[in-house]
Protein backbone atom coordinates (compact mmCIF):
# COMPACT_ATOMS: atom_id res chain seq x y z
CA MET A 1 47.99 97.23 177.64
CA GLN A 2 47.74 93.47 176.33
CA LEU A 3 50.78 91.94 174.20
CA THR A 4 49.68 90.78 170.86
CA ARG A 5 51.34 87.07 169.95
CA GLU A 6 53.85 89.21 167.58
CA ARG A 7 55.14 91.20 170.45
CA LYS A 8 55.76 88.93 172.62
CA VAL A 9 57.86 86.97 169.68
CA TYR A 10 59.89 90.32 169.25
CA ALA A 11 60.42 90.81 172.84
CA ALA A 12 62.06 87.24 173.53
CA PHE A 13 64.10 87.81 170.33
CA LEU A 14 65.44 90.92 171.77
CA ALA A 15 65.81 89.23 175.33
CA ALA A 16 68.03 86.45 173.67
CA ALA A 17 70.18 89.21 171.89
CA LEU A 18 70.75 90.99 174.93
CA ALA A 19 71.88 87.78 176.88
CA ALA A 20 73.85 86.83 174.00
CA LEU A 21 75.74 90.44 173.92
CA ALA A 22 76.28 90.50 177.88
CA ALA A 23 77.60 86.94 177.94
CA ASP A 24 80.61 87.86 175.22
CA LYS A 25 81.16 91.12 176.79
CA PHE A 26 81.42 90.10 180.12
CA ILE A 27 82.00 86.48 180.70
CA LEU A 28 84.05 85.25 177.22
CA GLY A 29 86.37 88.61 177.57
CA PRO A 30 87.83 90.69 174.67
CA PRO A 31 89.28 88.67 171.88
CA GLU A 32 93.09 89.39 171.30
CA SER A 33 94.28 90.68 167.87
CA SER A 34 95.89 88.42 165.95
CA ALA A 35 99.19 90.40 165.75
CA ALA A 36 99.33 90.37 169.37
CA VAL A 37 98.89 86.34 169.35
CA ARG A 38 101.71 86.25 166.70
CA SER A 39 104.27 88.15 168.54
CA ASP A 40 103.51 86.47 171.87
CA TYR A 41 103.98 83.31 170.17
CA LEU A 42 106.90 84.60 168.34
CA VAL A 43 108.82 86.13 171.71
CA ASN A 44 107.75 83.08 173.63
CA SER A 45 108.64 80.39 171.29
CA PRO A 46 111.35 77.95 172.62
CA ALA A 47 113.73 79.32 170.10
CA ALA A 48 113.99 82.66 171.49
CA PRO A 49 116.69 83.47 174.28
CA PRO A 50 115.03 83.36 177.55
CA ALA A 51 115.64 86.92 178.45
CA ALA A 52 113.40 87.67 175.50
CA ARG A 53 110.70 85.50 176.53
CA LYS A 54 107.77 87.96 177.53
CA THR A 55 104.39 88.58 176.53
CA VAL A 56 104.09 91.72 173.68
CA ALA A 57 101.22 93.49 172.82
CA VAL A 58 101.76 94.56 169.18
CA GLU A 59 99.11 96.56 167.28
CA ALA A 60 98.48 95.66 163.43
CA ALA A 61 100.39 98.55 161.61
CA PRO A 62 100.24 98.83 158.02
CA PRO A 63 103.27 97.87 156.34
CA PRO A 64 105.38 100.84 155.52
CA LEU A 65 105.60 102.23 152.32
CA PRO A 66 108.96 101.49 150.28
CA SER A 67 111.69 104.33 150.78
CA PRO A 68 114.19 105.47 147.63
CA ALA A 69 116.84 103.94 149.30
CA ALA A 70 114.92 100.13 149.66
CA PRO A 71 116.53 99.08 145.84
CA ALA A 72 120.08 99.29 147.56
CA LEU A 73 118.60 97.64 150.51
CA LEU A 74 117.62 94.87 148.64
CA ALA A 75 120.98 94.51 146.60
CA GLN A 76 123.28 94.92 150.15
CA ARG A 77 121.00 92.09 151.63
CA MET A 78 121.28 89.70 148.18
CA GLU A 79 125.02 90.44 148.56
CA GLN A 80 125.20 89.27 151.92
CA VAL A 81 123.05 86.44 151.15
CA ALA A 82 125.49 85.47 148.50
CA ARG A 83 128.51 86.22 151.02
CA ASP A 84 126.96 83.76 153.44
CA GLN A 85 126.08 81.19 151.04
CA GLN A 86 129.27 81.19 149.34
CA LEU A 87 127.92 81.71 145.88
CA ASN A 88 129.85 82.87 142.94
CA LEU A 89 128.51 86.16 141.61
CA ASP A 90 130.30 86.14 138.61
CA GLU A 91 129.01 82.80 137.33
CA ALA A 92 125.53 83.68 138.30
CA HIS A 93 123.03 84.07 135.31
CA ASP A 94 121.96 87.38 134.31
CA VAL A 95 117.61 86.33 134.92
CA PHE A 96 116.61 89.81 133.38
CA HIS A 97 118.77 89.30 130.22
CA THR A 98 116.96 88.69 127.11
CA PRO A 99 117.72 85.13 124.82
CA ALA A 100 119.10 85.57 121.34
CA THR A 101 116.05 83.02 120.23
CA TRP A 102 113.64 85.57 121.49
CA VAL A 103 115.15 88.69 119.62
CA LYS A 104 114.47 89.46 115.82
CA PRO A 105 117.34 89.27 114.14
CA ALA A 106 118.67 92.38 112.49
CA ALA A 107 117.78 92.65 109.06
CA PRO A 108 120.45 92.90 106.73
CA ALA A 109 121.51 96.25 105.55
CA GLN A 110 119.87 97.23 102.41
CA PRO A 111 121.17 100.26 100.27
CA ASP A 112 119.60 103.53 100.41
CA LEU A 113 117.05 103.24 97.85
CA GLN A 114 116.08 106.78 98.34
CA ALA A 115 119.35 108.11 97.54
CA ALA A 116 120.47 105.65 94.64
CA PHE A 117 117.24 106.16 92.51
CA ALA A 118 117.37 109.89 92.93
CA ALA A 119 121.32 110.15 91.95
CA LYS A 120 120.46 107.54 89.28
CA HIS A 121 117.38 110.05 87.68
CA ARG A 122 116.41 113.28 87.05
CA LEU A 123 113.44 114.99 86.42
CA VAL A 124 113.47 116.91 82.82
CA ALA A 125 109.77 117.89 82.23
CA LEU A 126 106.41 118.11 82.98
CA LEU A 127 103.08 117.92 81.67
CA LYS A 128 99.94 118.45 83.87
CA SER A 129 96.61 117.45 82.46
CA SER A 130 93.30 116.49 83.82
CA ARG A 131 94.14 112.79 83.78
CA GLY A 132 97.64 113.57 86.00
CA GLY A 133 99.90 114.30 83.37
CA ILE A 134 103.26 112.95 82.15
CA ALA A 135 106.83 113.12 83.60
CA VAL A 136 109.83 113.25 81.84
CA VAL A 137 112.82 111.40 83.77
CA ALA A 138 115.88 110.83 82.47
CA GLY A 139 118.78 108.13 83.28
CA GLN A 140 120.28 105.63 81.21
CA SER A 141 117.36 106.90 78.62
CA ARG A 142 114.51 109.29 78.92
CA LYS A 143 111.37 107.57 79.78
CA SER A 144 107.86 109.54 79.67
CA LEU A 145 105.84 108.31 82.61
CA ARG A 146 102.18 108.73 83.38
CA ILE A 147 100.76 108.45 87.26
CA GLY A 148 100.78 104.64 87.75
CA GLN A 149 103.99 103.73 85.79
CA GLN A 150 106.99 102.49 86.93
CA MET A 151 110.79 102.94 86.47
CA ASP A 152 113.01 101.11 88.31
CA GLY A 153 111.01 99.60 90.53
CA PHE A 154 110.03 103.00 91.34
CA THR A 155 105.68 103.70 90.55
CA LEU A 156 105.06 107.36 89.87
CA VAL A 157 102.49 108.40 92.49
CA SER A 158 101.65 112.10 91.81
CA ILE A 159 102.97 115.40 89.87
CA ALA A 160 103.31 118.44 91.24
CA GLU A 161 104.22 122.25 89.51
CA ARG A 162 107.71 121.77 89.49
CA SER A 163 108.35 117.70 91.44
CA ALA A 164 107.11 114.26 90.93
CA ALA A 165 106.70 111.97 93.58
CA PHE A 166 107.68 108.32 93.15
CA ARG A 167 107.31 105.28 95.77
CA SER A 168 108.57 101.90 96.47
CA GLY A 169 107.04 100.19 99.18
CA SER A 170 107.61 102.39 102.31
CA VAL A 171 110.49 104.58 100.32
CA ALA A 172 109.34 107.55 98.92
CA VAL A 173 111.39 109.91 96.52
CA GLU A 174 110.41 113.32 95.10
CA LEU A 175 112.30 114.60 92.02
CA GLN A 176 112.94 118.17 91.64
CA LEU A 177 112.56 119.81 88.18
CA ILE A 178 116.15 120.66 86.88
CA ASP A 179 116.81 124.10 85.80
CA ASP A 180 118.97 123.69 82.49
CA PRO A 181 118.72 126.47 79.95
CA GLN A 182 119.04 124.04 77.11
CA LEU A 183 116.49 122.11 78.80
CA GLU A 184 113.92 125.00 78.56
CA SER A 185 114.60 125.63 74.41
CA GLN A 186 113.18 122.20 73.74
CA SER A 187 109.74 121.90 73.78
CA ILE A 188 107.59 118.69 74.56
CA THR A 189 104.03 118.61 73.06
CA PRO A 190 101.38 115.30 73.75
CA SER A 191 101.14 113.72 70.57
CA GLY A 192 97.19 113.27 69.41
CA ARG A 193 95.99 112.83 73.17
């Protein structure tokens, strides 16, 4: 069997790779882990006491998960640092306190518009029609309102069988038809409409 030029090139690459692997494995030796090197440096550092100076092989382990007692331990460590540094914790600023300039001031108390409107007005009559109808509201005076008309800042938005709904911005009021025998004897008729 005769080797072609291409097979000779492949054989040369294979031989070079095997030689590099053998040199790495047997001549250079296994690499030390970075954790072992670090622990060896820390244990053998000049600051360590002579009795503690020895080579220690340490495997790199994942960091432990925080335990439920971790916040308490952190608080204890912080208190210890404060004692060691002679810090006065009563004068320490609370870093989690929101500055007053960041907080929107509370809106001034508004009177209960819904209760005030309901106390001041009574729904005395309703007339439903294909165009929505008419609601008769008694207050300081009687007023007939169509849907979309306003009374004391509230707009009539809908008429039901026995109620009328009013709205002013986000405040909604529903007035119920009162049961007054004296008013039931009166009739309201539309005039030419």
